[in-house]
Amino acid sequence: MSQSNTSKSQNRLDSIVSDHRSTSPGGDPVLERLLILLQEKKYDEALNLLYRLPRSSDVTQAIGVCSMRTGKVEDAVKVFRTMALLPGTAVFRPALEDVVRINYASALLMKGLPSGVLDALQHLQDKETIPARQLRQAIDRWAAGLPFWRRWDWKLGRTDPPNCRILIDFEPGIFPFVIPPRTDKPNPPQVPLISKQSSSDLAA
């Protein structure tokens, strides 16, 4: 990620926290705890904490990524479908950010819909980003291992086989903000957590 993009991502994270603080006087250390949980890959706890923040595009995406990384694939698909597609259609929103396309594609991959993954990646502004390449390579490996007739169906008509499962060797999804590397390991500030919301709440 370029220095300009890194700075922009950090500003987005600062904005998320600023919105939270404006509704939570008293210096609640939500940002520090959230960053530590993400750095330590404690995505279930991070997901719970994210529900405390005012809803925005970046917060919603972070919820979707954490959902993917905790196996809540249906929730992740619903989150990113709402963000990526025009309501009631299969048409992508105009001027959609690459990060949203990649996250939607990642959720579809985990759901076993490789044809949808390729559709989502088709109009990326930068088709050669590492996450986009990882998704295409995962599909290529999967397709190479299909039985002959399944592979033929895939090549000719991009037909998703039933009960499709695509193995990946990377963490799915990308956060819309920078997660800085840990420099030490302090105990994370304790912040009371709320209970998880249902997937129907995510679309609200």
Protein backbone atom coordinates (compact mmCIF):
# COMPACT_ATOMS: atom_id res chain seq x y z
CA MET A 1 0.00 0.00 0.00
CA SER A 2 1.38 3.42 -0.93
CA GLN A 3 2.17 6.08 1.68
CA SER A 4 -0.75 8.15 0.37
CA ASN A 5 -3.16 5.21 0.71
CA THR A 6 -1.79 4.36 4.16
CA SER A 7 -2.34 7.94 5.34
CA LYS A 8 -5.85 7.92 3.85
CA SER A 9 -6.66 4.61 5.58
CA GLN A 10 -5.40 5.89 8.92
CA ASN A 11 -7.56 9.00 8.53
CA ARG A 12 -10.56 6.72 7.94
CA LEU A 13 -9.84 4.79 11.12
CA ASP A 14 -9.39 8.03 13.06
CA SER A 15 -12.75 9.18 11.70
CA ILE A 16 -14.45 5.99 12.91
CA VAL A 17 -13.14 6.54 16.41
CA SER A 18 -13.89 10.24 16.33
CA ASP A 19 -17.53 9.46 15.50
CA HIS A 20 -17.64 7.05 18.42
CA ARG A 21 -16.12 9.53 20.86
CA SER A 22 -18.59 12.20 19.83
CA THR A 23 -21.36 9.93 21.14
CA SER A 24 -19.34 8.49 24.05
CA PRO A 25 -17.93 11.26 26.26
CA GLY A 26 -15.46 10.14 28.90
CA GLY A 27 -12.56 8.82 26.79
CA ASP A 28 -13.76 5.23 26.27
CA PRO A 29 -10.63 3.38 24.94
CA VAL A 30 -12.50 1.59 22.15
CA LEU A 31 -9.94 2.31 19.40
CA GLU A 32 -7.00 0.94 21.36
CA ARG A 33 -8.84 -2.24 22.26
CA LEU A 34 -10.17 -2.72 18.72
CA LEU A 35 -6.69 -2.40 17.21
CA ILE A 36 -5.20 -4.87 19.70
CA LEU A 37 -7.95 -7.39 19.03
CA LEU A 38 -7.43 -7.11 15.26
CA GLN A 39 -3.65 -7.32 15.62
CA GLU A 40 -4.04 -10.47 17.71
CA LYS A 41 -6.60 -11.87 15.24
CA LYS A 42 -9.29 -12.11 17.92
CA TYR A 43 -11.98 -11.48 15.37
CA ASP A 44 -14.95 -12.70 17.43
CA GLU A 45 -14.18 -10.15 20.15
CA ALA A 46 -13.44 -7.46 17.56
CA LEU A 47 -16.78 -8.17 15.90
CA ASN A 48 -18.58 -7.72 19.18
CA LEU A 49 -16.77 -4.43 19.76
CA LEU A 50 -17.46 -3.13 16.26
CA TYR A 51 -21.19 -3.26 16.97
CA ARG A 52 -20.64 -0.52 19.54
CA LEU A 53 -19.42 1.97 16.94
CA PRO A 54 -21.69 4.26 14.93
CA ARG A 55 -22.48 2.51 11.65
CA SER A 56 -20.55 3.76 8.62
CA SER A 57 -19.23 2.19 5.42
CA ASP A 58 -15.86 1.39 7.01
CA VAL A 59 -17.38 -0.03 10.20
CA THR A 60 -19.77 -2.16 8.14
CA GLN A 61 -16.89 -3.48 6.03
CA ALA A 62 -14.89 -4.32 9.14
CA ILE A 63 -17.91 -6.24 10.45
CA GLY A 64 -18.06 -8.12 7.15
CA VAL A 65 -14.36 -9.00 7.19
CA CYS A 66 -14.50 -10.17 10.80
CA SER A 67 -17.59 -12.23 9.92
CA MET A 68 -15.67 -13.96 7.13
CA ARG A 69 -12.71 -14.66 9.39
CA THR A 70 -14.94 -16.22 12.05
CA GLY A 71 -16.82 -18.46 9.62
CA LYS A 72 -20.02 -16.39 9.50
CA VAL A 73 -20.08 -16.57 5.72
CA GLU A 74 -23.80 -15.88 5.19
CA ASP A 75 -23.56 -12.72 7.30
CA ALA A 76 -20.51 -11.57 5.32
CA VAL A 77 -22.24 -12.16 1.98
CA LYS A 78 -25.27 -10.15 3.12
CA VAL A 79 -23.08 -7.28 4.33
CA PHE A 80 -21.08 -6.97 1.13
CA ARG A 81 -23.97 -7.69 -1.25
CA THR A 82 -25.82 -4.73 0.26
CA MET A 83 -22.72 -2.56 -0.16
CA ALA A 84 -21.79 -3.75 -3.67
CA LEU A 85 -25.09 -4.14 -5.54
CA LEU A 86 -27.94 -1.79 -6.34
CA PRO A 87 -31.00 -2.74 -4.23
CA GLY A 88 -33.01 -5.63 -5.66
CA THR A 89 -30.61 -6.21 -8.56
CA ALA A 90 -27.42 -8.05 -9.52
CA VAL A 91 -25.95 -4.79 -10.87
CA PHE A 92 -22.87 -3.35 -9.19
CA ARG A 93 -23.11 0.17 -7.85
CA PRO A 94 -21.32 2.77 -10.00
CA ALA A 95 -17.90 4.02 -8.83
CA LEU A 96 -17.63 1.14 -6.37
CA GLU A 97 -14.36 1.05 -4.44
CA ASP A 98 -12.03 -1.86 -5.19
CA VAL A 99 -11.91 -2.81 -1.53
CA VAL A 100 -15.69 -3.41 -1.51
CA ARG A 101 -15.49 -5.49 -4.72
CA ILE A 102 -12.67 -7.60 -3.31
CA ASN A 103 -14.46 -8.14 -0.02
CA TYR A 104 -17.67 -9.13 -1.80
CA ALA A 105 -15.66 -11.49 -4.03
CA SER A 106 -13.98 -12.98 -0.96
CA ALA A 107 -17.33 -13.65 0.72
CA LEU A 108 -18.65 -15.29 -2.47
CA LEU A 109 -15.54 -17.47 -2.67
CA MET A 110 -16.14 -18.71 0.87
CA LYS A 111 -19.77 -19.42 -0.03
CA GLY A 112 -18.62 -21.55 -2.98
CA LEU A 113 -19.69 -19.26 -5.84
CA PRO A 114 -16.57 -18.86 -8.01
CA SER A 115 -18.50 -17.44 -10.97
CA GLY A 116 -19.68 -14.58 -8.75
CA VAL A 117 -16.11 -14.01 -7.60
CA LEU A 118 -14.90 -13.48 -11.17
CA ASP A 119 -17.84 -11.17 -11.92
CA ALA A 120 -16.97 -9.06 -8.87
CA LEU A 121 -13.30 -8.85 -9.87
CA GLN A 122 -13.98 -8.06 -13.51
CA HIS A 123 -14.15 -4.28 -13.21
CA LEU A 124 -11.50 -3.62 -10.58
CA GLN A 125 -9.54 -0.45 -11.17
CA ASP A 126 -6.37 -2.35 -10.22
CA LYS A 127 -6.75 -6.00 -11.26
CA GLU A 128 -3.26 -6.96 -10.08
CA THR A 129 -3.53 -6.23 -6.37
CA ILE A 130 -2.36 -9.10 -4.17
CA PRO A 131 -5.89 -9.91 -2.84
CA ALA A 132 -7.33 -10.03 -6.38
CA ARG A 133 -4.52 -12.32 -7.54
CA GLN A 134 -5.00 -14.56 -4.51
CA LEU A 135 -8.70 -14.99 -5.28
CA ARG A 136 -8.09 -15.81 -8.96
CA GLN A 137 -5.28 -18.24 -8.09
CA ALA A 138 -7.51 -20.02 -5.56
CA ILE A 139 -10.13 -20.50 -8.29
CA ASP A 140 -7.50 -21.72 -10.78
CA ARG A 141 -6.24 -24.34 -8.29
CA TRP A 142 -9.79 -25.43 -7.54
CA ALA A 143 -10.70 -25.70 -11.24
CA ALA A 144 -7.56 -27.72 -12.01
CA GLY A 145 -8.65 -30.34 -9.47
CA LEU A 146 -12.19 -30.80 -10.82
CA PRO A 147 -13.24 -34.04 -12.55
CA PHE A 148 -13.12 -33.78 -16.33
CA TRP A 149 -16.79 -33.05 -16.98
CA ARG A 150 -17.07 -30.56 -14.11
CA ARG A 151 -13.97 -28.79 -15.37
CA TRP A 152 -15.47 -28.72 -18.88
CA ASP A 153 -18.72 -27.22 -17.54
CA TRP A 154 -16.69 -24.58 -15.71
CA LYS A 155 -14.59 -23.64 -18.74
CA LEU A 156 -17.53 -23.49 -21.15
CA GLY A 157 -20.25 -21.93 -19.04
CA ARG A 158 -18.75 -21.01 -15.67
CA THR A 159 -21.21 -23.33 -13.96
CA ASP A 160 -20.78 -23.47 -10.20
CA PRO A 161 -20.92 -27.12 -9.11
CA PRO A 162 -23.16 -28.03 -6.17
CA ASN A 163 -21.60 -28.05 -2.71
CA CYS A 164 -18.59 -26.20 -4.07
CA ARG A 165 -15.75 -25.69 -1.59
CA ILE A 166 -12.63 -23.73 -2.51
CA LEU A 167 -9.59 -23.99 -0.26
CA ILE A 168 -7.61 -20.85 0.46
CA ASP A 169 -4.19 -20.26 2.00
CA PHE A 170 -4.75 -16.63 3.04
CA GLU A 171 -7.01 -14.69 5.36
CA PRO A 172 -10.14 -13.63 3.47
CA GLY A 173 -11.11 -9.99 3.12
CA ILE A 174 -9.25 -6.75 3.59
CA PHE A 175 -9.96 -4.06 6.14
CA PRO A 176 -10.64 -0.53 4.79
CA PHE A 177 -8.09 0.91 7.21
CA VAL A 178 -4.52 0.18 8.24
CA ILE A 179 -3.89 -2.13 11.19
CA PRO A 180 -0.44 -1.06 12.44
CA PRO A 181 1.99 -3.76 13.61
CA ARG A 182 2.25 -4.41 17.34
CA THR A 183 5.25 -2.85 19.05
CA ASP A 184 4.51 -4.32 22.47
CA LYS A 185 1.90 -6.51 24.12
CA PRO A 186 0.05 -4.53 26.79
CA ASN A 187 -3.14 -5.91 28.25
CA PRO A 188 -5.99 -4.52 26.16
CA PRO A 189 -8.23 -1.98 27.91
CA GLN A 190 -11.39 -3.65 29.13
CA VAL A 191 -14.48 -2.35 27.38
CA PRO A 192 -17.90 -3.86 28.12
CA LEU A 193 -19.08 -5.71 25.02
CA ILE A 194 -22.57 -5.90 23.63
CA SER A 195 -24.13 -9.06 22.33
CA LYS A 196 -23.84 -9.92 18.63
CA GLN A 197 -26.53 -8.61 16.35
CA SER A 198 -28.33 -10.89 13.94
CA SER A 199 -27.58 -10.79 10.23
CA SER A 200 -30.92 -9.06 9.63
CA ASP A 201 -29.66 -6.12 11.73
CA LEU A 202 -26.64 -5.70 9.45
CA ALA A 203 -28.78 -4.73 6.51
CA ALA A 204 -30.56 -2.03 8.54
